Amino acid sequence: MPRWVIDVLVAVVLTAVEVVALVLAFFALALKGWAADKSGRGVPRGLRRIGCGVAVVSFVLPLACAYGLFLLRLPIAATAQCLLVVAIPFLRSVLVGANRLRERVKRRRSGRQRR
């Protein structure tokens, strides 16, 4: 099997695994935040720490993988990991913006129902 095929397969598999792990982590954080918000106490400090930890890991892990893949002479996989490092903060800001927009629409609807 040519080396570039292995390189592409490693890039696809690693990227898919990391994206799925991040989606599951943020889904779990969203569920915990939702449960904490239902109680009326706001987001607990421990949940904020976990969120910061996920953010740091989502930045450091792909960089470490990219460096290791570069040392293994797999340039396509290393580039994919570097692109993932660049894309994650952008996607996070898009998700936060979408969540804020959803909350605004929800507040407007509840305000109209009160009238």
Protein backbone atom coordinates (compact mmCIF):
# COMPACT_ATOMS: atom_id res chain seq x y z
CA MET A 1 0.00 0.00 0.00
CA PRO A 2 1.44 3.42 -0.90
CA ARG A 3 2.52 5.65 1.95
CA TRP A 4 0.17 8.48 0.98
CA VAL A 5 -2.86 6.15 1.33
CA ILE A 6 -1.82 5.32 4.89
CA ASP A 7 -1.29 9.03 5.50
CA VAL A 8 -4.79 9.91 4.32
CA LEU A 9 -6.38 7.06 6.27
CA VAL A 10 -4.63 8.14 9.47
CA ALA A 11 -5.74 11.73 8.88
CA VAL A 12 -9.38 10.74 8.36
CA VAL A 13 -9.53 8.35 11.30
CA LEU A 14 -7.81 10.69 13.77
CA THR A 15 -9.88 13.67 12.76
CA ALA A 16 -13.12 11.70 12.98
CA VAL A 17 -12.26 10.32 16.42
CA GLU A 18 -11.34 13.76 17.77
CA VAL A 19 -14.43 15.43 16.36
CA VAL A 20 -16.71 12.75 17.79
CA ALA A 21 -14.97 13.01 21.18
CA LEU A 22 -15.38 16.80 21.20
CA VAL A 23 -19.03 16.62 20.21
CA LEU A 24 -19.71 14.10 22.97
CA ALA A 25 -17.80 16.17 25.53
CA PHE A 26 -19.68 19.36 24.67
CA PHE A 27 -22.98 17.46 24.61
CA ALA A 28 -22.27 16.14 28.11
CA LEU A 29 -21.34 19.66 29.27
CA ALA A 30 -24.54 21.05 27.75
CA LEU A 31 -26.62 18.43 29.55
CA LYS A 32 -24.92 19.19 32.87
CA GLY A 33 -25.38 22.92 32.31
CA TRP A 34 -29.03 22.41 31.47
CA ALA A 35 -29.54 20.34 34.61
CA ALA A 36 -27.78 22.97 36.73
CA ASP A 37 -29.83 25.76 35.15
CA LYS A 38 -33.09 23.94 35.95
CA SER A 39 -32.26 24.14 39.64
CA GLY A 40 -31.99 27.93 39.47
CA ARG A 41 -28.46 28.08 40.87
CA GLY A 42 -26.70 28.89 37.60
CA VAL A 43 -23.66 27.08 36.25
CA PRO A 44 -21.58 25.57 39.05
CA ARG A 45 -17.89 26.33 39.38
CA GLY A 46 -16.93 22.68 38.83
CA LEU A 47 -18.74 22.62 35.50
CA ARG A 48 -16.86 25.73 34.41
CA ARG A 49 -13.56 24.03 35.28
CA ILE A 50 -14.53 21.00 33.24
CA GLY A 51 -15.41 23.25 30.31
CA CYS A 52 -12.03 24.98 30.52
CA GLY A 53 -10.33 21.59 30.69
CA VAL A 54 -12.13 20.41 27.56
CA ALA A 55 -11.11 23.61 25.79
CA VAL A 56 -7.45 23.15 26.71
CA VAL A 57 -7.43 19.47 25.74
CA SER A 58 -9.14 20.26 22.44
CA PHE A 59 -6.27 22.63 21.67
CA VAL A 60 -3.29 20.69 23.02
CA LEU A 61 -4.19 17.18 21.87
CA PRO A 62 -4.33 17.93 18.12
CA LEU A 63 -1.09 19.92 18.38
CA ALA A 64 0.66 17.02 20.05
CA CYS A 65 -0.76 14.61 17.47
CA ALA A 66 0.37 16.92 14.66
CA TYR A 67 3.90 17.00 16.01
CA GLY A 68 4.01 13.23 16.39
CA LEU A 69 2.63 12.69 12.91
CA PHE A 70 5.19 15.13 11.52
CA LEU A 71 7.95 13.10 13.18
CA LEU A 72 6.49 9.94 11.64
CA ARG A 73 6.63 11.66 8.24
CA LEU A 74 2.88 11.71 7.68
CA PRO A 75 2.42 15.27 6.37
CA ILE A 76 -1.24 15.02 5.34
CA ALA A 77 -2.30 13.75 8.77
CA ALA A 78 -0.18 16.40 10.50
CA THR A 79 -1.75 19.12 8.37
CA ALA A 80 -5.24 17.81 9.14
CA GLN A 81 -4.49 18.03 12.87
CA CYS A 82 -3.18 21.59 12.49
CA LEU A 83 -6.36 22.55 10.62
CA LEU A 84 -8.38 21.01 13.44
CA VAL A 85 -6.55 23.24 15.93
CA VAL A 86 -7.50 26.26 13.83
CA ALA A 87 -11.10 25.15 13.27
CA ILE A 88 -12.06 24.33 16.86
CA PRO A 89 -12.06 27.92 18.25
CA PHE A 90 -14.03 29.06 15.19
CA LEU A 91 -16.60 26.31 15.65
CA ARG A 92 -16.84 27.06 19.36
CA SER A 93 -17.62 30.72 18.66
CA VAL A 94 -20.25 29.71 16.10
CA LEU A 95 -21.88 27.38 18.63
CA VAL A 96 -21.88 30.06 21.34
CA GLY A 97 -23.41 32.56 18.90
CA ALA A 98 -26.10 30.10 17.85
CA ASN A 99 -26.91 29.39 21.49
CA ARG A 100 -27.23 33.10 22.29
CA LEU A 101 -29.48 33.62 19.27
CA ARG A 102 -31.66 30.71 20.38
CA GLU A 103 -31.93 32.20 23.88
CA ARG A 104 -32.94 35.61 22.45
CA VAL A 105 -35.67 34.03 20.35
CA LYS A 106 -36.86 32.07 23.36
CA ARG A 107 -37.05 35.26 25.47
CA ARG A 108 -38.98 37.09 22.76
CA ARG A 109 -41.48 34.27 22.48
CA SER A 110 -42.00 34.11 26.23
CA GLY A 111 -42.42 37.92 26.31
CA ARG A 112 -45.08 37.79 23.62
CA GLN A 113 -46.97 35.05 25.43
CA ARG A 114 -47.11 37.11 28.62
CA ARG A 115 -48.83 40.00 26.87
